[in-house]
Amino acid sequence: MPAEDDAAEGTRIVVKLDDLLHARRMTLTELAERVGLTLANLSILKTGKAKAIRFTTLEAICRELDCQPGDLLGYDAGADA
């Protein structure tokens, strides 16, 4: 029941990639090249439309942005309440 609601309503996981890119003065294109992802896939992650992220991808993004996973991902408890 709740899993279906999450799928229909979206996710409560917030991706803060845009903020990190801005703080590091890096473009999405530059990050895509550095981590070996397509710009399209990274854009899906940035807009919060991704359904999952591989740990290897998360590790590569954190390495290039010099951040922790918690800096990139957050949880919004009130998003679908």
PDB file of N, CA and C in Angstrom:
ATOM      1  N   MET A   1       0.814  -1.201   0.000  1.00  0.00           N
ATOM      2  CA  MET A   1       0.000   0.000   0.000  1.00  0.00           C
ATOM      3  C   MET A   1       0.854   1.260   0.000  1.00  0.00           C
ATOM      4  N   PRO A   2       1.690   1.502   1.000  1.00  0.00           N
ATOM      5  CA  PRO A   2       2.515   2.707   0.958  1.00  0.00           C
ATOM      6  C   PRO A   2       3.464   2.730  -0.233  1.00  0.00           C
ATOM      7  N   ALA A   3       3.991   1.560  -0.639  1.00  0.00           N
ATOM      8  CA  ALA A   3       4.903   1.537  -1.776  1.00  0.00           C
ATOM      9  C   ALA A   3       4.195   2.008  -3.040  1.00  0.00           C
ATOM     10  N   GLU A   4       2.936   1.615  -3.208  1.00  0.00           N
ATOM     11  CA  GLU A   4       2.171   2.063  -4.366  1.00  0.00           C
ATOM     12  C   GLU A   4       1.940   3.563  -4.300  1.00  0.00           C
ATOM     13  N   ASP A   5       1.653   4.077  -3.106  1.00  0.00           N
ATOM     14  CA  ASP A   5       1.449   5.516  -2.950  1.00  0.00           C
ATOM     15  C   ASP A   5       2.715   6.277  -3.324  1.00  0.00           C
ATOM     16  N   ASP A   6       3.882   5.766  -2.905  1.00  0.00           N
ATOM     17  CA  ASP A   6       5.140   6.418  -3.237  1.00  0.00           C
ATOM     18  C   ASP A   6       5.358   6.427  -4.743  1.00  0.00           C
ATOM     19  N   ALA A   7       5.035   5.323  -5.405  1.00  0.00           N
ATOM     20  CA  ALA A   7       5.229   5.251  -6.847  1.00  0.00           C
ATOM     21  C   ALA A   7       4.304   6.227  -7.567  1.00  0.00           C
ATOM     22  N   ALA A   8       3.078   6.353  -7.084  1.00  0.00           N
ATOM     23  CA  ALA A   8       2.113   7.240  -7.722  1.00  0.00           C
ATOM     24  C   ALA A   8       2.407   8.705  -7.425  1.00  0.00           C
ATOM     25  N   GLU A   9       2.825   9.000  -6.232  1.00  0.00           N
ATOM     26  CA  GLU A   9       3.023  10.376  -5.794  1.00  0.00           C
ATOM     27  C   GLU A   9       4.429  10.894  -6.043  1.00  0.00           C
ATOM     28  N   GLY A  10       5.386  10.007  -6.280  1.00  0.00           N
ATOM     29  CA  GLY A  10       6.769  10.431  -6.419  1.00  0.00           C
ATOM     30  C   GLY A  10       7.561   9.990  -5.211  1.00  0.00           C
ATOM     31  N   THR A  11       8.724  10.527  -5.077  1.00  0.00           N
ATOM     32  CA  THR A  11       9.603  10.103  -3.997  1.00  0.00           C
ATOM     33  C   THR A  11       9.847  11.235  -3.013  1.00  0.00           C
ATOM     34  N   ARG A  12      10.240  10.856  -1.839  1.00  0.00           N
ATOM     35  CA  ARG A  12      10.590  11.843  -0.820  1.00  0.00           C
ATOM     36  C   ARG A  12      12.084  12.092  -0.783  1.00  0.00           C
ATOM     37  N   ILE A  13      12.815  11.397  -1.626  1.00  0.00           N
ATOM     38  CA  ILE A  13      14.255  11.615  -1.714  1.00  0.00           C
ATOM     39  C   ILE A  13      14.490  12.857  -2.567  1.00  0.00           C
ATOM     40  N   VAL A  14      15.268  13.777  -2.030  1.00  0.00           N
ATOM     41  CA  VAL A  14      15.569  15.027  -2.719  1.00  0.00           C
ATOM     42  C   VAL A  14      17.016  14.979  -3.188  1.00  0.00           C
ATOM     43  N   VAL A  15      17.243  15.267  -4.465  1.00  0.00           N
ATOM     44  CA  VAL A  15      18.588  15.287  -5.029  1.00  0.00           C
ATOM     45  C   VAL A  15      19.048  16.743  -5.078  1.00  0.00           C
ATOM     46  N   LYS A  16      20.163  17.009  -4.412  1.00  0.00           N
ATOM     47  CA  LYS A  16      20.673  18.380  -4.301  1.00  0.00           C
ATOM     48  C   LYS A  16      21.880  18.616  -5.209  1.00  0.00           C
ATOM     49  N   LEU A  17      21.868  17.955  -6.366  1.00  0.00           N
ATOM     50  CA  LEU A  17      22.990  18.046  -7.295  1.00  0.00           C
ATOM     51  C   LEU A  17      23.168  19.460  -7.829  1.00  0.00           C
ATOM     52  N   ASP A  18      22.081  20.127  -8.128  1.00  0.00           N
ATOM     53  CA  ASP A  18      22.159  21.490  -8.661  1.00  0.00           C
ATOM     54  C   ASP A  18      22.893  22.420  -7.692  1.00  0.00           C
ATOM     55  N   ASP A  19      22.563  22.327  -6.417  1.00  0.00           N
ATOM     56  CA  ASP A  19      23.206  23.164  -5.404  1.00  0.00           C
ATOM     57  C   ASP A  19      24.706  22.875  -5.302  1.00  0.00           C
ATOM     58  N   LEU A  20      25.055  21.587  -5.342  1.00  0.00           N
ATOM     59  CA  LEU A  20      26.470  21.213  -5.253  1.00  0.00           C
ATOM     60  C   LEU A  20      27.246  21.678  -6.482  1.00  0.00           C
ATOM     61  N   LEU A  21      26.638  21.534  -7.653  1.00  0.00           N
ATOM     62  CA  LEU A  21      27.299  22.002  -8.867  1.00  0.00           C
ATOM     63  C   LEU A  21      27.533  23.505  -8.809  1.00  0.00           C
ATOM     64  N   HIS A  22      26.538  24.230  -8.367  1.00  0.00           N
ATOM     65  CA  HIS A  22      26.667  25.683  -8.262  1.00  0.00           C
ATOM     66  C   HIS A  22      27.782  26.064  -7.279  1.00  0.00           C
ATOM     67  N   ALA A  23      27.796  25.392  -6.135  1.00  0.00           N
ATOM     68  CA  ALA A  23      28.809  25.684  -5.116  1.00  0.00           C
ATOM     69  C   ALA A  23      30.220  25.367  -5.614  1.00  0.00           C
ATOM     70  N   ARG A  24      30.346  24.345  -6.478  1.00  0.00           N
ATOM     71  CA  ARG A  24      31.663  23.941  -6.993  1.00  0.00           C
ATOM     72  C   ARG A  24      31.997  24.650  -8.313  1.00  0.00           C
ATOM     73  N   ARG A  25      31.070  25.475  -8.783  1.00  0.00           N
ATOM     74  CA  ARG A  25      31.238  26.179 -10.066  1.00  0.00           C
ATOM     75  C   ARG A  25      31.578  25.202 -11.187  1.00  0.00           C
ATOM     76  N   MET A  26      30.766  24.148 -11.256  1.00  0.00           N
ATOM     77  CA  MET A  26      30.956  23.102 -12.241  1.00  0.00           C
ATOM     78  C   MET A  26      29.655  22.929 -13.019  1.00  0.00           C
ATOM     79  N   THR A  27      29.771  22.655 -14.299  1.00  0.00           N
ATOM     80  CA  THR A  27      28.576  22.424 -15.107  1.00  0.00           C
ATOM     81  C   THR A  27      28.194  20.948 -15.058  1.00  0.00           C
ATOM     82  N   LEU A  28      26.951  20.673 -15.402  1.00  0.00           N
ATOM     83  CA  LEU A  28      26.485  19.299 -15.477  1.00  0.00           C
ATOM     84  C   LEU A  28      27.267  18.534 -16.544  1.00  0.00           C
ATOM     85  N   THR A  29      27.578  19.199 -17.635  1.00  0.00           N
ATOM     86  CA  THR A  29      28.354  18.582 -18.717  1.00  0.00           C
ATOM     87  C   THR A  29      29.741  18.179 -18.227  1.00  0.00           C
ATOM     88  N   GLU A  30      30.386  19.062 -17.473  1.00  0.00           N
ATOM     89  CA  GLU A  30      31.715  18.760 -16.946  1.00  0.00           C
ATOM     90  C   GLU A  30      31.663  17.572 -15.987  1.00  0.00           C
ATOM     91  N   LEU A  31      30.663  17.548 -15.112  1.00  0.00           N
ATOM     92  CA  LEU A  31      30.530  16.427 -14.181  1.00  0.00           C
ATOM     93  C   LEU A  31      30.275  15.133 -14.939  1.00  0.00           C
ATOM     94  N   ALA A  32      29.425  15.172 -15.949  1.00  0.00           N
ATOM     95  CA  ALA A  32      29.123  13.980 -16.745  1.00  0.00           C
ATOM     96  C   ALA A  32      30.397  13.409 -17.353  1.00  0.00           C
ATOM     97  N   GLU A  33      31.240  14.269 -17.890  1.00  0.00           N
ATOM     98  CA  GLU A  33      32.505  13.828 -18.481  1.00  0.00           C
ATOM     99  C   GLU A  33      33.427  13.223 -17.429  1.00  0.00           C
ATOM    100  N   ARG A  34      33.479  13.842 -16.264  1.00  0.00           N
ATOM    101  CA  ARG A  34      34.379  13.370 -15.199  1.00  0.00           C
ATOM    102  C   ARG A  34      33.958  12.023 -14.626  1.00  0.00           C
ATOM    103  N   VAL A  35      32.655  11.775 -14.535  1.00  0.00           N
ATOM    104  CA  VAL A  35      32.189  10.527 -13.920  1.00  0.00           C
ATOM    105  C   VAL A  35      31.843   9.448 -14.945  1.00  0.00           C
ATOM    106  N   GLY A  36      31.888   9.808 -16.232  1.00  0.00           N
ATOM    107  CA  GLY A  36      31.635   8.819 -17.269  1.00  0.00           C
ATOM    108  C   GLY A  36      30.169   8.472 -17.467  1.00  0.00           C
ATOM    109  N   LEU A  37      29.293   9.432 -17.236  1.00  0.00           N
ATOM    110  CA  LEU A  37      27.859   9.237 -17.473  1.00  0.00           C
ATOM    111  C   LEU A  37      27.415  10.103 -18.636  1.00  0.00           C
ATOM    112  N   THR A  38      26.309   9.716 -19.246  1.00  0.00           N
ATOM    113  CA  THR A  38      25.763  10.578 -20.290  1.00  0.00           C
ATOM    114  C   THR A  38      25.126  11.790 -19.625  1.00  0.00           C
ATOM    115  N   LEU A  39      25.092  12.878 -20.352  1.00  0.00           N
ATOM    116  CA  LEU A  39      24.457  14.085 -19.857  1.00  0.00           C
ATOM    117  C   LEU A  39      22.982  13.823 -19.573  1.00  0.00           C
ATOM    118  N   ALA A  40      22.340  13.020 -20.408  1.00  0.00           N
ATOM    119  CA  ALA A  40      20.920  12.701 -20.226  1.00  0.00           C
ATOM    120  C   ALA A  40      20.681  11.972 -18.905  1.00  0.00           C
ATOM    121  N   ASN A  41      21.513  10.985 -18.592  1.00  0.00           N
ATOM    122  CA  ASN A  41      21.338  10.237 -17.341  1.00  0.00           C
ATOM    123  C   ASN A  41      21.604  11.103 -16.119  1.00  0.00           C
ATOM    124  N   LEU A  42      22.600  11.935 -16.197  1.00  0.00           N
ATOM    125  CA  LEU A  42      22.896  12.826 -15.077  1.00  0.00           C
ATOM    126  C   LEU A  42      21.785  13.854 -14.905  1.00  0.00           C
ATOM    127  N   SER A  43      21.199  14.297 -15.993  1.00  0.00           N
ATOM    128  CA  SER A  43      20.089  15.237 -15.944  1.00  0.00           C
ATOM    129  C   SER A  43      18.872  14.611 -15.278  1.00  0.00           C
ATOM    130  N   ILE A  44      18.609  13.338 -15.555  1.00  0.00           N
ATOM    131  CA  ILE A  44      17.503  12.624 -14.910  1.00  0.00           C
ATOM    132  C   ILE A  44      17.719  12.586 -13.402  1.00  0.00           C
ATOM    133  N   LEU A  45      18.946  12.354 -12.988  1.00  0.00           N
ATOM    134  CA  LEU A  45      19.266  12.356 -11.564  1.00  0.00           C
ATOM    135  C   LEU A  45      19.075  13.750 -10.978  1.00  0.00           C
ATOM    136  N   LYS A  46      19.576  14.757 -11.663  1.00  0.00           N
ATOM    137  CA  LYS A  46      19.507  16.139 -11.170  1.00  0.00           C
ATOM    138  C   LYS A  46      18.073  16.613 -10.971  1.00  0.00           C
ATOM    139  N   THR A  47      17.197  16.218 -11.870  1.00  0.00           N
ATOM    140  CA  THR A  47      15.802  16.669 -11.785  1.00  0.00           C
ATOM    141  C   THR A  47      14.968  15.841 -10.818  1.00  0.00           C
ATOM    142  N   GLY A  48      15.571  14.817 -10.218  1.00  0.00           N
ATOM    143  CA  GLY A  48      14.847  14.002  -9.245  1.00  0.00           C
ATOM    144  C   GLY A  48      13.950  12.959  -9.873  1.00  0.00           C
ATOM    145  N   LYS A  49      14.133  12.689 -11.162  1.00  0.00           N
ATOM    146  CA  LYS A  49      13.296  11.710 -11.856  1.00  0.00           C
ATOM    147  C   LYS A  49      13.889  10.306 -11.852  1.00  0.00           C
ATOM    148  N   ALA A  50      15.094  10.164 -11.332  1.00  0.00           N
ATOM    149  CA  ALA A  50      15.744   8.851 -11.286  1.00  0.00           C
ATOM    150  C   ALA A  50      15.042   7.961 -10.269  1.00  0.00           C
ATOM    151  N   LYS A  51      14.914   6.689 -10.599  1.00  0.00           N
ATOM    152  CA  LYS A  51      14.300   5.711  -9.705  1.00  0.00           C
ATOM    153  C   LYS A  51      15.328   5.056  -8.795  1.00  0.00           C
ATOM    154  N   ALA A  52      16.601   5.110  -9.209  1.00  0.00           N
ATOM    155  CA  ALA A  52      17.671   4.464  -8.445  1.00  0.00           C
ATOM    156  C   ALA A  52      18.996   5.096  -8.836  1.00  0.00           C
ATOM    157  N   ILE A  53      20.008   4.830  -8.010  1.00  0.00           N
ATOM    158  CA  ILE A  53      21.377   5.249  -8.327  1.00  0.00           C
ATOM    159  C   ILE A  53      22.314   4.145  -7.862  1.00  0.00           C
ATOM    160  N   ARG A  54      23.248   3.788  -8.710  1.00  0.00           N
ATOM    161  CA  ARG A  54      24.235   2.774  -8.336  1.00  0.00           C
ATOM    162  C   ARG A  54      25.228   3.385  -7.360  1.00  0.00           C
ATOM    163  N   PHE A  55      25.716   2.553  -6.458  1.00  0.00           N
ATOM    164  CA  PHE A  55      26.712   3.028  -5.505  1.00  0.00           C
ATOM    165  C   PHE A  55      27.967   3.498  -6.223  1.00  0.00           C
ATOM    166  N   THR A  56      28.327   2.850  -7.329  1.00  0.00           N
ATOM    167  CA  THR A  56      29.519   3.276  -8.064  1.00  0.00           C
ATOM    168  C   THR A  56      29.319   4.675  -8.653  1.00  0.00           C
ATOM    169  N   THR A  57      28.092   4.965  -9.098  1.00  0.00           N
ATOM    170  CA  THR A  57      27.785   6.297  -9.619  1.00  0.00           C
ATOM    171  C   THR A  57      27.809   7.318  -8.496  1.00  0.00           C
ATOM    172  N   LEU A  58      27.202   6.973  -7.371  1.00  0.00           N
ATOM    173  CA  LEU A  58      27.187   7.850  -6.203  1.00  0.00           C
ATOM    174  C   LEU A  58      28.611   8.136  -5.736  1.00  0.00           C
ATOM    175  N   GLU A  59      29.426   7.099  -5.711  1.00  0.00           N
ATOM    176  CA  GLU A  59      30.828   7.261  -5.307  1.00  0.00           C
ATOM    177  C   GLU A  59      31.576   8.199  -6.255  1.00  0.00           C
ATOM    178  N   ALA A  60      31.375   8.023  -7.557  1.00  0.00           N
ATOM    179  CA  ALA A  60      32.063   8.864  -8.543  1.00  0.00           C
ATOM    180  C   ALA A  60      31.626  10.324  -8.431  1.00  0.00           C
ATOM    181  N   ILE A  61      30.337  10.558  -8.233  1.00  0.00           N
ATOM    182  CA  ILE A  61      29.843  11.931  -8.083  1.00  0.00           C
ATOM    183  C   ILE A  61      30.415  12.560  -6.819  1.00  0.00           C
ATOM    184  N   CYS A  62      30.399  11.809  -5.727  1.00  0.00           N
ATOM    185  CA  CYS A  62      30.943  12.332  -4.471  1.00  0.00           C
ATOM    186  C   CYS A  62      32.438  12.616  -4.582  1.00  0.00           C
ATOM    187  N   ARG A  63      33.147  11.762  -5.291  1.00  0.00           N
ATOM    188  CA  ARG A  63      34.592  11.975  -5.499  1.00  0.00           C
ATOM    189  C   ARG A  63      34.828  13.271  -6.268  1.00  0.00           C
ATOM    190  N   GLU A  64      34.105  13.474  -7.337  1.00  0.00           N
ATOM    191  CA  GLU A  64      34.322  14.651  -8.181  1.00  0.00           C
ATOM    192  C   GLU A  64      33.827  15.945  -7.537  1.00  0.00           C
ATOM    193  N   LEU A  65      32.788  15.856  -6.729  1.00  0.00           N
ATOM    194  CA  LEU A  65      32.256  17.062  -6.075  1.00  0.00           C
ATOM    195  C   LEU A  65      32.807  17.241  -4.666  1.00  0.00           C
ATOM    196  N   ASP A  66      33.672  16.312  -4.244  1.00  0.00           N
ATOM    197  CA  ASP A  66      34.265  16.362  -2.911  1.00  0.00           C
ATOM    198  C   ASP A  66      33.180  16.525  -1.847  1.00  0.00           C
ATOM    199  N   CYS A  67      32.244  15.574  -1.845  1.00  0.00           N
ATOM    200  CA  CYS A  67      31.127  15.643  -0.904  1.00  0.00           C
ATOM    201  C   CYS A  67      30.812  14.258  -0.362  1.00  0.00           C
ATOM    202  N   GLN A  68      29.892  14.205   0.564  1.00  0.00           N
ATOM    203  CA  GLN A  68      29.387  12.964   1.130  1.00  0.00           C
ATOM    204  C   GLN A  68      28.029  12.657   0.498  1.00  0.00           C
ATOM    205  N   PRO A  69      27.602  11.387   0.486  1.00  0.00           N
ATOM    206  CA  PRO A  69      26.289  11.054  -0.072  1.00  0.00           C
ATOM    207  C   PRO A  69      25.153  11.880   0.538  1.00  0.00           C
ATOM    208  N   GLY A  70      25.251  12.187   1.815  1.00  0.00           N
ATOM    209  CA  GLY A  70      24.232  12.996   2.476  1.00  0.00           C
ATOM    210  C   GLY A  70      24.199  14.440   2.004  1.00  0.00           C
ATOM    211  N   ASP A  71      25.289  14.900   1.396  1.00  0.00           N
ATOM    212  CA  ASP A  71      25.305  16.239   0.812  1.00  0.00           C
ATOM    213  C   ASP A  71      24.526  16.257  -0.501  1.00  0.00           C
ATOM    214  N   LEU A  72      24.483  15.114  -1.163  1.00  0.00           N
ATOM    215  CA  LEU A  72      23.843  14.985  -2.464  1.00  0.00           C
ATOM    216  C   LEU A  72      22.375  14.588  -2.358  1.00  0.00           C
ATOM    217  N   LEU A  73      22.060  13.744  -1.388  1.00  0.00           N
ATOM    218  CA  LEU A  73      20.706  13.213  -1.226  1.00  0.00           C
ATOM    219  C   LEU A  73      20.123  13.614   0.109  1.00  0.00           C
ATOM    220  N   GLY A  74      18.853  13.929   0.109  1.00  0.00           N
ATOM    221  CA  GLY A  74      18.158  14.270   1.343  1.00  0.00           C
ATOM    222  C   GLY A  74      16.801  13.578   1.381  1.00  0.00           C
ATOM    223  N   TYR A  75      16.152  13.624   2.522  1.00  0.00           N
ATOM    224  CA  TYR A  75      14.838  13.025   2.703  1.00  0.00           C
ATOM    225  C   TYR A  75      13.882  14.101   3.164  1.00  0.00           C
ATOM    226  N   ASP A  76      12.806  14.284   2.429  1.00  0.00           N
ATOM    227  CA  ASP A  76      11.784  15.271   2.767  1.00  0.00           C
ATOM    228  C   ASP A  76      10.587  14.563   3.379  1.00  0.00           C
ATOM    229  N   ALA A  77      10.519  14.560   4.694  1.00  0.00           N
ATOM    230  CA  ALA A  77       9.453  13.839   5.405  1.00  0.00           C
ATOM    231  C   ALA A  77       8.068  14.388   5.112  1.00  0.00           C
ATOM    232  N   GLY A  78       7.967  15.635   4.729  1.00  0.00           N
ATOM    233  CA  GLY A  78       6.661  16.231   4.502  1.00  0.00           C
ATOM    234  C   GLY A  78       6.241  16.270   3.059  1.00  0.00           C
ATOM    235  N   ALA A  79       6.993  15.664   2.163  1.00  0.00           N
ATOM    236  CA  ALA A  79       6.721  15.785   0.721  1.00  0.00           C
ATOM    237  C   ALA A  79       5.353  15.260   0.322  1.00  0.00           C
ATOM    238  N   ASP A  80       4.972  14.083   0.774  1.00  0.00           N
ATOM    239  CA  ASP A  80       3.702  13.483   0.356  1.00  0.00           C
ATOM    240  C   ASP A  80       2.771  13.232   1.530  1.00  0.00           C
ATOM    241  N   ALA A  81       3.030  13.899   2.619  1.00  0.00           N
ATOM    242  CA  ALA A  81       2.235  13.625   3.824  1.00  0.00           C
ATOM    243  C   ALA A  81       0.826  14.154   3.684  1.00  0.00           C
TER     244      ALA A  81
END
